[in-house]
């Protein structure tokens, strides 16, 4: 199982890097980080597809594809899945809190990490 996560993680990381470099050729004039946005949107889309296919129940395949590949391709896909899960459970208030804490908290913690050293 861990080997599958490691292989998927390796493939996801190099895919993100390679695709990010390729997309920069088309998005470099934008003021927004469009290459990363597109990668995050793609990762969220493919995690949604992967988890909605009923045929795929193999725990090892999901570990490789969802946790490993998409987890290293983008962690935003997991964030999206968890947020939608909270909404589907009817806990919209928790979804909003989670959205806020994740986005604002990540920005704050990134800044704290950057100024700490």
PDB file of N, CA and C in Angstrom:
ATOM      1  N   UNK A   1       0.828  -1.197   0.000  1.00  0.00           N
ATOM      2  CA  UNK A   1       0.000   0.000   0.000  1.00  0.00           C
ATOM      3  C   UNK A   1       0.872   1.261   0.000  1.00  0.00           C
ATOM      4  N   UNK A   2       1.850   1.317   0.895  1.00  0.00           N
ATOM      5  CA  UNK A   2       2.732   2.484   0.951  1.00  0.00           C
ATOM      6  C   UNK A   2       3.546   2.645  -0.318  1.00  0.00           C
ATOM      7  N   UNK A   3       3.923   1.527  -0.919  1.00  0.00           N
ATOM      8  CA  UNK A   3       4.670   1.587  -2.174  1.00  0.00           C
ATOM      9  C   UNK A   3       3.818   2.233  -3.266  1.00  0.00           C
ATOM     10  N   UNK A   4       2.528   1.895  -3.298  1.00  0.00           N
ATOM     11  CA  UNK A   4       1.608   2.502  -4.261  1.00  0.00           C
ATOM     12  C   UNK A   4       1.479   3.999  -4.053  1.00  0.00           C
ATOM     13  N   UNK A   5       1.386   4.422  -2.793  1.00  0.00           N
ATOM     14  CA  UNK A   5       1.320   5.858  -2.485  1.00  0.00           C
ATOM     15  C   UNK A   5       2.607   6.541  -2.931  1.00  0.00           C
ATOM     16  N   UNK A   6       3.739   5.888  -2.681  1.00  0.00           N
ATOM     17  CA  UNK A   6       5.032   6.473  -3.061  1.00  0.00           C
ATOM     18  C   UNK A   6       5.161   6.599  -4.580  1.00  0.00           C
ATOM     19  N   UNK A   7       4.796   5.562  -5.307  1.00  0.00           N
ATOM     20  CA  UNK A   7       4.872   5.612  -6.774  1.00  0.00           C
ATOM     21  C   UNK A   7       3.913   6.679  -7.311  1.00  0.00           C
ATOM     22  N   UNK A   8       2.684   6.680  -6.802  1.00  0.00           N
ATOM     23  CA  UNK A   8       1.721   7.697  -7.223  1.00  0.00           C
ATOM     24  C   UNK A   8       2.194   9.098  -6.885  1.00  0.00           C
ATOM     25  N   UNK A   9       2.777   9.256  -5.710  1.00  0.00           N
ATOM     26  CA  UNK A   9       3.300  10.557  -5.298  1.00  0.00           C
ATOM     27  C   UNK A   9       4.414  11.029  -6.204  1.00  0.00           C
ATOM     28  N   UNK A  10       5.298  10.121  -6.559  1.00  0.00           N
ATOM     29  CA  UNK A  10       6.390  10.457  -7.475  1.00  0.00           C
ATOM     30  C   UNK A  10       5.831  10.913  -8.819  1.00  0.00           C
ATOM     31  N   UNK A  11       4.906  10.137  -9.359  1.00  0.00           N
ATOM     32  CA  UNK A  11       4.331  10.464 -10.671  1.00  0.00           C
ATOM     33  C   UNK A  11       3.524  11.764 -10.626  1.00  0.00           C
ATOM     34  N   UNK A  12       2.786  11.977  -9.531  1.00  0.00           N
ATOM     35  CA  UNK A  12       2.009  13.211  -9.396  1.00  0.00           C
ATOM     36  C   UNK A  12       2.895  14.439  -9.279  1.00  0.00           C
ATOM     37  N   UNK A  13       3.971  14.307  -8.530  1.00  0.00           N
ATOM     38  CA  UNK A  13       4.878  15.443  -8.341  1.00  0.00           C
ATOM     39  C   UNK A  13       5.565  15.840  -9.644  1.00  0.00           C
ATOM     40  N   UNK A  14       6.058  14.856 -10.384  1.00  0.00           N
ATOM     41  CA  UNK A  14       6.725  15.204 -11.637  1.00  0.00           C
ATOM     42  C   UNK A  14       5.712  15.677 -12.678  1.00  0.00           C
ATOM     43  N   UNK A  15       4.489  15.173 -12.606  1.00  0.00           N
ATOM     44  CA  UNK A  15       3.441  15.643 -13.524  1.00  0.00           C
ATOM     45  C   UNK A  15       3.085  17.088 -13.237  1.00  0.00           C
ATOM     46  N   UNK A  16       2.955  17.416 -11.959  1.00  0.00           N
ATOM     47  CA  UNK A  16       2.638  18.795 -11.592  1.00  0.00           C
ATOM     48  C   UNK A  16       3.749  19.741 -12.049  1.00  0.00           C
ATOM     49  N   UNK A  17       4.967  19.357 -11.799  1.00  0.00           N
ATOM     50  CA  UNK A  17       6.104  20.188 -12.189  1.00  0.00           C
ATOM     51  C   UNK A  17       6.143  20.376 -13.703  1.00  0.00           C
ATOM     52  N   UNK A  18       6.043  19.281 -14.433  1.00  0.00           N
ATOM     53  CA  UNK A  18       6.137  19.335 -15.897  1.00  0.00           C
ATOM     54  C   UNK A  18       4.978  20.113 -16.504  1.00  0.00           C
ATOM     55  N   UNK A  19       3.769  19.836 -16.050  1.00  0.00           N
ATOM     56  CA  UNK A  19       2.600  20.541 -16.572  1.00  0.00           C
ATOM     57  C   UNK A  19       2.646  22.010 -16.195  1.00  0.00           C
ATOM     58  N   UNK A  20       3.079  22.304 -14.982  1.00  0.00           N
ATOM     59  CA  UNK A  20       3.209  23.694 -14.553  1.00  0.00           C
ATOM     60  C   UNK A  20       4.164  24.470 -15.436  1.00  0.00           C
ATOM     61  N   UNK A  21       5.290  23.869 -15.752  1.00  0.00           N
ATOM     62  CA  UNK A  21       6.268  24.512 -16.648  1.00  0.00           C
ATOM     63  C   UNK A  21       5.670  24.729 -18.034  1.00  0.00           C
ATOM     64  N   UNK A  22       4.976  23.725 -18.556  1.00  0.00           N
ATOM     65  CA  UNK A  22       4.384  23.829 -19.888  1.00  0.00           C
ATOM     66  C   UNK A  22       3.286  24.901 -19.917  1.00  0.00           C
ATOM     67  N   UNK A  23       2.469  24.950 -18.886  1.00  0.00           N
ATOM     68  CA  UNK A  23       1.380  25.927 -18.852  1.00  0.00           C
ATOM     69  C   UNK A  23       1.885  27.354 -18.695  1.00  0.00           C
ATOM     70  N   UNK A  24       3.035  27.516 -18.067  1.00  0.00           N
ATOM     71  CA  UNK A  24       3.594  28.861 -17.899  1.00  0.00           C
ATOM     72  C   UNK A  24       3.837  29.552 -19.228  1.00  0.00           C
ATOM     73  N   UNK A  25       4.098  28.775 -20.261  1.00  0.00           N
ATOM     74  CA  UNK A  25       4.309  29.358 -21.581  1.00  0.00           C
ATOM     75  C   UNK A  25       3.065  30.085 -22.073  1.00  0.00           C
ATOM     76  N   UNK A  26       1.895  29.608 -21.643  1.00  0.00           N
ATOM     77  CA  UNK A  26       0.636  30.179 -22.099  1.00  0.00           C
ATOM     78  C   UNK A  26       0.016  31.147 -21.093  1.00  0.00           C
ATOM     79  N   UNK A  27       0.447  31.072 -19.847  1.00  0.00           N
ATOM     80  CA  UNK A  27      -0.212  31.851 -18.793  1.00  0.00           C
ATOM     81  C   UNK A  27       0.692  32.886 -18.140  1.00  0.00           C
ATOM     82  N   UNK A  28       1.913  33.016 -18.596  1.00  0.00           N
ATOM     83  CA  UNK A  28       2.891  33.857 -17.900  1.00  0.00           C
ATOM     84  C   UNK A  28       2.524  35.340 -17.912  1.00  0.00           C
ATOM     85  N   UNK A  29       1.689  35.783 -18.828  1.00  0.00           N
ATOM     86  CA  UNK A  29       1.336  37.203 -18.891  1.00  0.00           C
ATOM     87  C   UNK A  29       0.185  37.558 -17.959  1.00  0.00           C
ATOM     88  N   UNK A  30      -0.426  36.559 -17.361  1.00  0.00           N
ATOM     89  CA  UNK A  30      -1.536  36.805 -16.455  1.00  0.00           C
ATOM     90  C   UNK A  30      -1.020  37.248 -15.092  1.00  0.00           C
ATOM     91  N   UNK A  31      -1.786  38.083 -14.425  1.00  0.00           N
ATOM     92  CA  UNK A  31      -1.417  38.507 -13.070  1.00  0.00           C
ATOM     93  C   UNK A  31      -1.787  37.444 -12.045  1.00  0.00           C
ATOM     94  N   UNK A  32      -2.623  36.498 -12.437  1.00  0.00           N
ATOM     95  CA  UNK A  32      -2.998  35.391 -11.569  1.00  0.00           C
ATOM     96  C   UNK A  32      -2.098  34.194 -11.850  1.00  0.00           C
ATOM     97  N   UNK A  33      -1.843  33.354 -10.853  1.00  0.00           N
ATOM     98  CA  UNK A  33      -1.051  32.144 -11.085  1.00  0.00           C
ATOM     99  C   UNK A  33      -1.915  31.082 -11.769  1.00  0.00           C
ATOM    100  N   UNK A  34      -2.209  31.316 -13.039  1.00  0.00           N
ATOM    101  CA  UNK A  34      -3.153  30.465 -13.762  1.00  0.00           C
ATOM    102  C   UNK A  34      -2.672  29.033 -13.925  1.00  0.00           C
ATOM    103  N   UNK A  35      -1.374  28.818 -14.057  1.00  0.00           N
ATOM    104  CA  UNK A  35      -0.903  27.445 -14.226  1.00  0.00           C
ATOM    105  C   UNK A  35      -1.235  26.617 -12.983  1.00  0.00           C
ATOM    106  N   UNK A  36      -1.010  27.164 -11.815  1.00  0.00           N
ATOM    107  CA  UNK A  36      -1.321  26.449 -10.577  1.00  0.00           C
ATOM    108  C   UNK A  36      -2.830  26.318 -10.397  1.00  0.00           C
ATOM    109  N   UNK A  37      -3.568  27.362 -10.733  1.00  0.00           N
ATOM    110  CA  UNK A  37      -5.026  27.291 -10.652  1.00  0.00           C
ATOM    111  C   UNK A  37      -5.546  26.174 -11.544  1.00  0.00           C
ATOM    112  N   UNK A  38      -5.065  26.091 -12.774  1.00  0.00           N
ATOM    113  CA  UNK A  38      -5.512  25.042 -13.688  1.00  0.00           C
ATOM    114  C   UNK A  38      -5.151  23.651 -13.167  1.00  0.00           C
ATOM    115  N   UNK A  39      -3.964  23.512 -12.618  1.00  0.00           N
ATOM    116  CA  UNK A  39      -3.551  22.220 -12.058  1.00  0.00           C
ATOM    117  C   UNK A  39      -4.450  21.850 -10.878  1.00  0.00           C
ATOM    118  N   UNK A  40      -4.730  22.803 -10.001  1.00  0.00           N
ATOM    119  CA  UNK A  40      -5.605  22.524  -8.862  1.00  0.00           C
ATOM    120  C   UNK A  40      -7.008  22.157  -9.314  1.00  0.00           C
ATOM    121  N   UNK A  41      -7.530  22.854 -10.315  1.00  0.00           N
ATOM    122  CA  UNK A  41      -8.860  22.534 -10.828  1.00  0.00           C
ATOM    123  C   UNK A  41      -8.876  21.158 -11.475  1.00  0.00           C
ATOM    124  N   UNK A  42      -7.834  20.832 -12.218  1.00  0.00           N
ATOM    125  CA  UNK A  42      -7.743  19.506 -12.831  1.00  0.00           C
ATOM    126  C   UNK A  42      -7.680  18.409 -11.773  1.00  0.00           C
ATOM    127  N   UNK A  43      -6.873  18.634 -10.759  1.00  0.00           N
ATOM    128  CA  UNK A  43      -6.755  17.645  -9.696  1.00  0.00           C
ATOM    129  C   UNK A  43      -8.071  17.425  -8.985  1.00  0.00           C
ATOM    130  N   UNK A  44      -8.796  18.498  -8.713  1.00  0.00           N
ATOM    131  CA  UNK A  44     -10.105  18.378  -8.065  1.00  0.00           C
ATOM    132  C   UNK A  44     -11.073  17.614  -8.960  1.00  0.00           C
ATOM    133  N   UNK A  45     -11.067  17.936 -10.256  1.00  0.00           N
ATOM    134  CA  UNK A  45     -11.943  17.258 -11.205  1.00  0.00           C
ATOM    135  C   UNK A  45     -11.646  15.757 -11.234  1.00  0.00           C
ATOM    136  N   UNK A  46     -10.374  15.409 -11.364  1.00  0.00           N
ATOM    137  CA  UNK A  46     -10.025  13.993 -11.483  1.00  0.00           C
ATOM    138  C   UNK A  46     -10.259  13.226 -10.179  1.00  0.00           C
ATOM    139  N   UNK A  47     -10.113  13.865  -9.028  1.00  0.00           N
ATOM    140  CA  UNK A  47     -10.437  13.188  -7.777  1.00  0.00           C
ATOM    141  C   UNK A  47     -11.944  12.942  -7.707  1.00  0.00           C
ATOM    142  N   UNK A  48     -12.729  13.922  -8.147  1.00  0.00           N
ATOM    143  CA  UNK A  48     -14.175  13.732  -8.195  1.00  0.00           C
ATOM    144  C   UNK A  48     -14.568  12.583  -9.099  1.00  0.00           C
ATOM    145  N   UNK A  49     -13.950  12.516 -10.275  1.00  0.00           N
ATOM    146  CA  UNK A  49     -14.227  11.424 -11.209  1.00  0.00           C
ATOM    147  C   UNK A  49     -13.816  10.094 -10.590  1.00  0.00           C
ATOM    148  N   UNK A  50     -12.625  10.058 -10.046  1.00  0.00           N
ATOM    149  CA  UNK A  50     -12.084   8.826  -9.482  1.00  0.00           C
ATOM    150  C   UNK A  50     -12.969   8.285  -8.361  1.00  0.00           C
ATOM    151  N   UNK A  51     -13.426   9.157  -7.489  1.00  0.00           N
ATOM    152  CA  UNK A  51     -14.219   8.706  -6.347  1.00  0.00           C
ATOM    153  C   UNK A  51     -15.673   8.447  -6.699  1.00  0.00           C
ATOM    154  N   UNK A  52     -16.119   8.885  -7.870  1.00  0.00           N
ATOM    155  CA  UNK A  52     -17.511   8.656  -8.260  1.00  0.00           C
ATOM    156  C   UNK A  52     -17.693   7.385  -9.084  1.00  0.00           C
ATOM    157  N   UNK A  53     -16.601   6.798  -9.544  1.00  0.00           N
ATOM    158  CA  UNK A  53     -16.687   5.575 -10.346  1.00  0.00           C
ATOM    159  C   UNK A  53     -16.854   4.393  -9.400  1.00  0.00           C
ATOM    160  N   UNK A  54     -17.990   3.732  -9.512  1.00  0.00           N
ATOM    161  CA  UNK A  54     -18.301   2.634  -8.598  1.00  0.00           C
ATOM    162  C   UNK A  54     -17.431   1.402  -8.819  1.00  0.00           C
ATOM    163  N   UNK A  55     -16.927   1.242 -10.043  1.00  0.00           N
ATOM    164  CA  UNK A  55     -16.131   0.053 -10.354  1.00  0.00           C
ATOM    165  C   UNK A  55     -14.799   0.039  -9.613  1.00  0.00           C
ATOM    166  N   UNK A  56     -14.282   1.228  -9.289  1.00  0.00           N
ATOM    167  CA  UNK A  56     -12.963   1.315  -8.677  1.00  0.00           C
ATOM    168  C   UNK A  56     -13.111   1.207  -7.161  1.00  0.00           C
ATOM    169  N   UNK A  57     -12.885   0.012  -6.666  1.00  0.00           N
ATOM    170  CA  UNK A  57     -12.983  -0.182  -5.232  1.00  0.00           C
ATOM    171  C   UNK A  57     -11.697  -0.714  -4.640  1.00  0.00           C
ATOM    172  N   UNK A  58     -10.715  -0.928  -5.489  1.00  0.00           N
ATOM    173  CA  UNK A  58      -9.450  -1.453  -5.002  1.00  0.00           C
ATOM    174  C   UNK A  58      -8.738  -0.433  -4.124  1.00  0.00           C
ATOM    175  N   UNK A  59      -8.502  -0.821  -2.895  1.00  0.00           N
ATOM    176  CA  UNK A  59      -7.869   0.085  -1.940  1.00  0.00           C
ATOM    177  C   UNK A  59      -6.464   0.480  -2.388  1.00  0.00           C
ATOM    178  N   UNK A  60      -5.763  -0.457  -3.003  1.00  0.00           N
ATOM    179  CA  UNK A  60      -4.402  -0.150  -3.450  1.00  0.00           C
ATOM    180  C   UNK A  60      -4.407   0.818  -4.622  1.00  0.00           C
ATOM    181  N   UNK A  61      -5.367   0.661  -5.543  1.00  0.00           N
ATOM    182  CA  UNK A  61      -5.448   1.585  -6.666  1.00  0.00           C
ATOM    183  C   UNK A  61      -5.798   2.990  -6.172  1.00  0.00           C
ATOM    184  N   UNK A  62      -6.739   3.079  -5.244  1.00  0.00           N
ATOM    185  CA  UNK A  62      -7.103   4.382  -4.696  1.00  0.00           C
ATOM    186  C   UNK A  62      -5.938   5.012  -3.942  1.00  0.00           C
ATOM    187  N   UNK A  63      -5.158   4.185  -3.253  1.00  0.00           N
ATOM    188  CA  UNK A  63      -3.982   4.711  -2.556  1.00  0.00           C
ATOM    189  C   UNK A  63      -2.986   5.282  -3.560  1.00  0.00           C
ATOM    190  N   UNK A  64      -2.770   4.582  -4.656  1.00  0.00           N
ATOM    191  CA  UNK A  64      -1.841   5.053  -5.677  1.00  0.00           C
ATOM    192  C   UNK A  64      -2.399   6.288  -6.385  1.00  0.00           C
ATOM    193  N   UNK A  65      -3.638   6.211  -6.860  1.00  0.00           N
ATOM    194  CA  UNK A  65      -4.196   7.273  -7.703  1.00  0.00           C
ATOM    195  C   UNK A  65      -4.660   8.485  -6.910  1.00  0.00           C
ATOM    196  N   UNK A  66      -5.465   8.256  -5.871  1.00  0.00           N
ATOM    197  CA  UNK A  66      -6.057   9.388  -5.134  1.00  0.00           C
ATOM    198  C   UNK A  66      -5.076   9.980  -4.135  1.00  0.00           C
ATOM    199  N   UNK A  67      -4.541   9.149  -3.265  1.00  0.00           N
ATOM    200  CA  UNK A  67      -3.646   9.652  -2.223  1.00  0.00           C
ATOM    201  C   UNK A  67      -2.283  10.014  -2.808  1.00  0.00           C
ATOM    202  N   UNK A  68      -1.704   9.096  -3.557  1.00  0.00           N
ATOM    203  CA  UNK A  68      -0.366   9.319  -4.089  1.00  0.00           C
ATOM    204  C   UNK A  68      -0.326  10.327  -5.217  1.00  0.00           C
ATOM    205  N   UNK A  69      -0.922   9.956  -6.369  1.00  0.00           N
ATOM    206  CA  UNK A  69      -0.813  10.816  -7.547  1.00  0.00           C
ATOM    207  C   UNK A  69      -1.498  12.156  -7.344  1.00  0.00           C
ATOM    208  N   UNK A  70      -2.804  12.133  -7.063  1.00  0.00           N
ATOM    209  CA  UNK A  70      -3.527  13.403  -6.941  1.00  0.00           C
ATOM    210  C   UNK A  70      -3.136  14.163  -5.680  1.00  0.00           C
ATOM    211  N   UNK A  71      -2.732  13.437  -4.647  1.00  0.00           N
ATOM    212  CA  UNK A  71      -2.279  14.094  -3.430  1.00  0.00           C
ATOM    213  C   UNK A  71      -1.023  14.912  -3.637  1.00  0.00           C
ATOM    214  N   UNK A  72      -0.134  14.430  -4.495  1.00  0.00           N
ATOM    215  CA  UNK A  72       1.073  15.208  -4.770  1.00  0.00           C
ATOM    216  C   UNK A  72       0.887  16.119  -5.975  1.00  0.00           C
ATOM    217  N   UNK A  73      -0.032  15.768  -6.863  1.00  0.00           N
ATOM    218  CA  UNK A  73      -0.337  16.648  -7.986  1.00  0.00           C
ATOM    219  C   UNK A  73      -0.958  17.924  -7.452  1.00  0.00           C
ATOM    220  N   UNK A  74      -1.839  17.766  -6.464  1.00  0.00           N
ATOM    221  CA  UNK A  74      -2.434  18.903  -5.773  1.00  0.00           C
ATOM    222  C   UNK A  74      -3.145  18.438  -4.521  1.00  0.00           C
ATOM    223  N   UNK A  75      -2.904  19.101  -3.413  1.00  0.00           N
ATOM    224  CA  UNK A  75      -3.676  18.789  -2.215  1.00  0.00           C
ATOM    225  C   UNK A  75      -5.000  19.530  -2.227  1.00  0.00           C
ATOM    226  N   UNK A  76      -5.163  20.409  -3.184  1.00  0.00           N
ATOM    227  CA  UNK A  76      -6.411  21.154  -3.273  1.00  0.00           C
ATOM    228  C   UNK A  76      -7.573  20.233  -3.608  1.00  0.00           C
ATOM    229  N   UNK A  77      -7.298  19.133  -4.298  1.00  0.00           N
ATOM    230  CA  UNK A  77      -8.362  18.192  -4.632  1.00  0.00           C
ATOM    231  C   UNK A  77      -8.958  17.577  -3.365  1.00  0.00           C
ATOM    232  N   UNK A  78      -8.126  17.224  -2.406  1.00  0.00           N
ATOM    233  CA  UNK A  78      -8.621  16.667  -1.158  1.00  0.00           C
ATOM    234  C   UNK A  78      -9.398  17.710  -0.364  1.00  0.00           C
ATOM    235  N   UNK A  79      -8.916  18.934  -0.348  1.00  0.00           N
ATOM    236  CA  UNK A  79      -9.612  20.031   0.302  1.00  0.00           C
ATOM    237  C   UNK A  79     -11.008  20.197  -0.291  1.00  0.00           C
ATOM    238  N   UNK A  80     -11.109  20.124  -1.601  1.00  0.00           N
ATOM    239  CA  UNK A  80     -12.405  20.260  -2.270  1.00  0.00           C
ATOM    240  C   UNK A  80     -13.333  19.124  -1.882  1.00  0.00           C
ATOM    241  N   UNK A  81     -12.817  17.903  -1.859  1.00  0.00           N
ATOM    242  CA  UNK A  81     -13.612  16.739  -1.497  1.00  0.00           C
ATOM    243  C   UNK A  81     -14.136  16.861  -0.064  1.00  0.00           C
ATOM    244  N   UNK A  82     -13.285  17.279   0.855  1.00  0.00           N
ATOM    245  CA  UNK A  82     -13.695  17.397   2.251  1.00  0.00           C
ATOM    246  C   UNK A  82     -14.735  18.500   2.434  1.00  0.00           C
ATOM    247  N   UNK A  83     -14.568  19.611   1.725  1.00  0.00           N
ATOM    248  CA  UNK A  83     -15.526  20.708   1.824  1.00  0.00           C
ATOM    249  C   UNK A  83     -16.888  20.280   1.293  1.00  0.00           C
ATOM    250  N   UNK A  84     -16.903  19.628   0.132  1.00  0.00           N
ATOM    251  CA  UNK A  84     -18.172  19.149  -0.413  1.00  0.00           C
ATOM    252  C   UNK A  84     -18.797  18.084   0.474  1.00  0.00           C
ATOM    253  N   UNK A  85     -17.972  17.285   1.114  1.00  0.00           N
ATOM    254  CA  UNK A  85     -18.481  16.293   2.057  1.00  0.00           C
ATOM    255  C   UNK A  85     -19.225  16.956   3.209  1.00  0.00           C
ATOM    256  N   UNK A  86     -18.663  18.041   3.732  1.00  0.00           N
ATOM    257  CA  UNK A  86     -19.338  18.780   4.808  1.00  0.00           C
ATOM    258  C   UNK A  86     -20.659  19.370   4.320  1.00  0.00           C
ATOM    259  N   UNK A  87     -20.673  19.871   3.097  1.00  0.00           N
ATOM    260  CA  UNK A  87     -21.909  20.439   2.536  1.00  0.00           C
ATOM    261  C   UNK A  87     -22.949  19.351   2.346  1.00  0.00           C
ATOM    262  N   UNK A  88     -22.544  18.202   1.818  1.00  0.00           N
ATOM    263  CA  UNK A  88     -23.480  17.082   1.604  1.00  0.00           C
ATOM    264  C   UNK A  88     -24.037  16.557   2.916  1.00  0.00           C
ATOM    265  N   UNK A  89     -23.265  16.655   3.989  1.00  0.00           N
ATOM    266  CA  UNK A  89     -23.729  16.221   5.309  1.00  0.00           C
ATOM    267  C   UNK A  89     -24.701  17.228   5.927  1.00  0.00           C
ATOM    268  N   UNK A  90     -24.851  18.363   5.249  1.00  0.00           N
ATOM    269  CA  UNK A  90     -25.746  19.396   5.756  1.00  0.00           C
ATOM    270  C   UNK A  90     -25.106  20.311   6.778  1.00  0.00           C
ATOM    271  N   UNK A  91     -23.813  20.238   6.912  1.00  0.00           N
ATOM    272  CA  UNK A  91     -23.102  21.073   7.881  1.00  0.00           C
ATOM    273  C   UNK A  91     -22.423  22.224   7.143  1.00  0.00           C
ATOM    274  N   UNK A  92     -23.256  23.074   6.564  1.00  0.00           N
ATOM    275  CA  UNK A  92     -22.753  24.179   5.749  1.00  0.00           C
ATOM    276  C   UNK A  92     -21.938  25.153   6.590  1.00  0.00           C
ATOM    277  N   UNK A  93     -22.352  25.381   7.825  1.00  0.00           N
ATOM    278  CA  UNK A  93     -21.581  26.261   8.699  1.00  0.00           C
ATOM    279  C   UNK A  93     -20.161  25.752   8.902  1.00  0.00           C
ATOM    280  N   UNK A  94     -20.023  24.437   9.094  1.00  0.00           N
ATOM    281  CA  UNK A  94     -18.689  23.858   9.244  1.00  0.00           C
ATOM    282  C   UNK A  94     -17.911  23.955   7.939  1.00  0.00           C
ATOM    283  N   UNK A  95     -18.608  23.820   6.807  1.00  0.00           N
ATOM    284  CA  UNK A  95     -17.944  23.954   5.515  1.00  0.00           C
ATOM    285  C   UNK A  95     -17.372  25.360   5.346  1.00  0.00           C
ATOM    286  N   UNK A  96     -18.144  26.362   5.729  1.00  0.00           N
ATOM    287  CA  UNK A  96     -17.685  27.754   5.624  1.00  0.00           C
ATOM    288  C   UNK A  96     -16.500  27.991   6.556  1.00  0.00           C
ATOM    289  N   UNK A  97     -16.598  27.470   7.774  1.00  0.00           N
ATOM    290  CA  UNK A  97     -15.484  27.613   8.726  1.00  0.00           C
ATOM    291  C   UNK A  97     -14.235  26.926   8.176  1.00  0.00           C
ATOM    292  N   UNK A  98     -14.422  25.724   7.635  1.00  0.00           N
ATOM    293  CA  UNK A  98     -13.294  24.979   7.061  1.00  0.00           C
ATOM    294  C   UNK A  98     -12.682  25.735   5.890  1.00  0.00           C
ATOM    295  N   UNK A  99     -13.527  26.279   5.014  1.00  0.00           N
ATOM    296  CA  UNK A  99     -13.034  27.090   3.894  1.00  0.00           C
ATOM    297  C   UNK A  99     -12.210  28.259   4.403  1.00  0.00           C
ATOM    298  N   UNK A 100     -12.769  28.989   5.343  1.00  0.00           N
ATOM    299  CA  UNK A 100     -12.086  30.170   5.877  1.00  0.00           C
ATOM    300  C   UNK A 100     -10.765  29.788   6.537  1.00  0.00           C
ATOM    301  N   UNK A 101     -10.815  28.804   7.432  1.00  0.00           N
ATOM    302  CA  UNK A 101      -9.603  28.416   8.146  1.00  0.00           C
ATOM    303  C   UNK A 101      -8.529  27.882   7.200  1.00  0.00           C
ATOM    304  N   UNK A 102      -8.939  27.139   6.195  1.00  0.00           N
ATOM    305  CA  UNK A 102      -7.970  26.582   5.260  1.00  0.00           C
ATOM    306  C   UNK A 102      -7.318  27.671   4.418  1.00  0.00           C
ATOM    307  N   UNK A 103      -8.136  28.526   3.837  1.00  0.00           N
ATOM    308  CA  UNK A 103      -7.588  29.536   2.931  1.00  0.00           C
ATOM    309  C   UNK A 103      -6.844  30.619   3.702  1.00  0.00           C
ATOM    310  N   UNK A 104      -7.521  31.244   4.656  1.00  0.00           N
ATOM    311  CA  UNK A 104      -6.889  32.326   5.406  1.00  0.00           C
ATOM    312  C   UNK A 104      -5.782  31.766   6.305  1.00  0.00           C
ATOM    313  N   UNK A 105      -6.040  30.622   6.923  1.00  0.00           N
ATOM    314  CA  UNK A 105      -5.031  30.009   7.783  1.00  0.00           C
ATOM    315  C   UNK A 105      -3.777  29.630   7.022  1.00  0.00           C
ATOM    316  N   UNK A 106      -3.950  29.074   5.835  1.00  0.00           N
ATOM    317  CA  UNK A 106      -2.785  28.709   5.025  1.00  0.00           C
ATOM    318  C   UNK A 106      -1.973  29.932   4.640  1.00  0.00           C
ATOM    319  N   UNK A 107      -2.673  31.004   4.264  1.00  0.00           N
ATOM    320  CA  UNK A 107      -1.965  32.244   3.936  1.00  0.00           C
ATOM    321  C   UNK A 107      -1.219  32.783   5.156  1.00  0.00           C
ATOM    322  N   UNK A 108      -1.870  32.770   6.301  1.00  0.00           N
ATOM    323  CA  UNK A 108      -1.257  33.264   7.529  1.00  0.00           C
ATOM    324  C   UNK A 108      -0.059  32.409   7.930  1.00  0.00           C
ATOM    325  N   UNK A 109      -0.237  31.087   7.910  1.00  0.00           N
ATOM    326  CA  UNK A 109       0.858  30.209   8.302  1.00  0.00           C
ATOM    327  C   UNK A 109       2.017  30.262   7.316  1.00  0.00           C
ATOM    328  N   UNK A 110       1.702  30.420   6.026  1.00  0.00           N
ATOM    329  CA  UNK A 110       2.772  30.601   5.053  1.00  0.00           C
ATOM    330  C   UNK A 110       3.572  31.854   5.391  1.00  0.00           C
ATOM    331  N   UNK A 111       2.868  32.929   5.675  1.00  0.00           N
ATOM    332  CA  UNK A 111       3.545  34.190   6.024  1.00  0.00           C
ATOM    333  C   UNK A 111       4.374  34.021   7.301  1.00  0.00           C
ATOM    334  N   UNK A 112       3.786  33.378   8.317  1.00  0.00           N
ATOM    335  CA  UNK A 112       4.521  33.146   9.567  1.00  0.00           C
ATOM    336  C   UNK A 112       5.775  32.320   9.324  1.00  0.00           C
ATOM    337  N   UNK A 113       5.650  31.286   8.487  1.00  0.00           N
ATOM    338  CA  UNK A 113       6.829  30.483   8.172  1.00  0.00           C
ATOM    339  C   UNK A 113       7.875  31.264   7.418  1.00  0.00           C
ATOM    340  N   UNK A 114       7.417  32.119   6.522  1.00  0.00           N
ATOM    341  CA  UNK A 114       8.352  32.905   5.713  1.00  0.00           C
ATOM    342  C   UNK A 114       9.098  33.937   6.536  1.00  0.00           C
ATOM    343  N   UNK A 115       8.444  34.526   7.532  1.00  0.00           N
ATOM    344  CA  UNK A 115       9.118  35.572   8.331  1.00  0.00           C
ATOM    345  C   UNK A 115       9.832  34.998   9.543  1.00  0.00           C
ATOM    346  N   UNK A 116       9.606  33.710   9.838  1.00  0.00           N
ATOM    347  CA  UNK A 116      10.223  33.109  11.024  1.00  0.00           C
ATOM    348  C   UNK A 116      11.718  32.884  10.846  1.00  0.00           C
ATOM    349  N   UNK A 117      12.159  32.740   9.619  1.00  0.00           N
ATOM    350  CA  UNK A 117      13.575  32.420   9.393  1.00  0.00           C
ATOM    351  C   UNK A 117      14.267  33.463   8.572  1.00  0.00           C
TER     352      UNK A 117
END
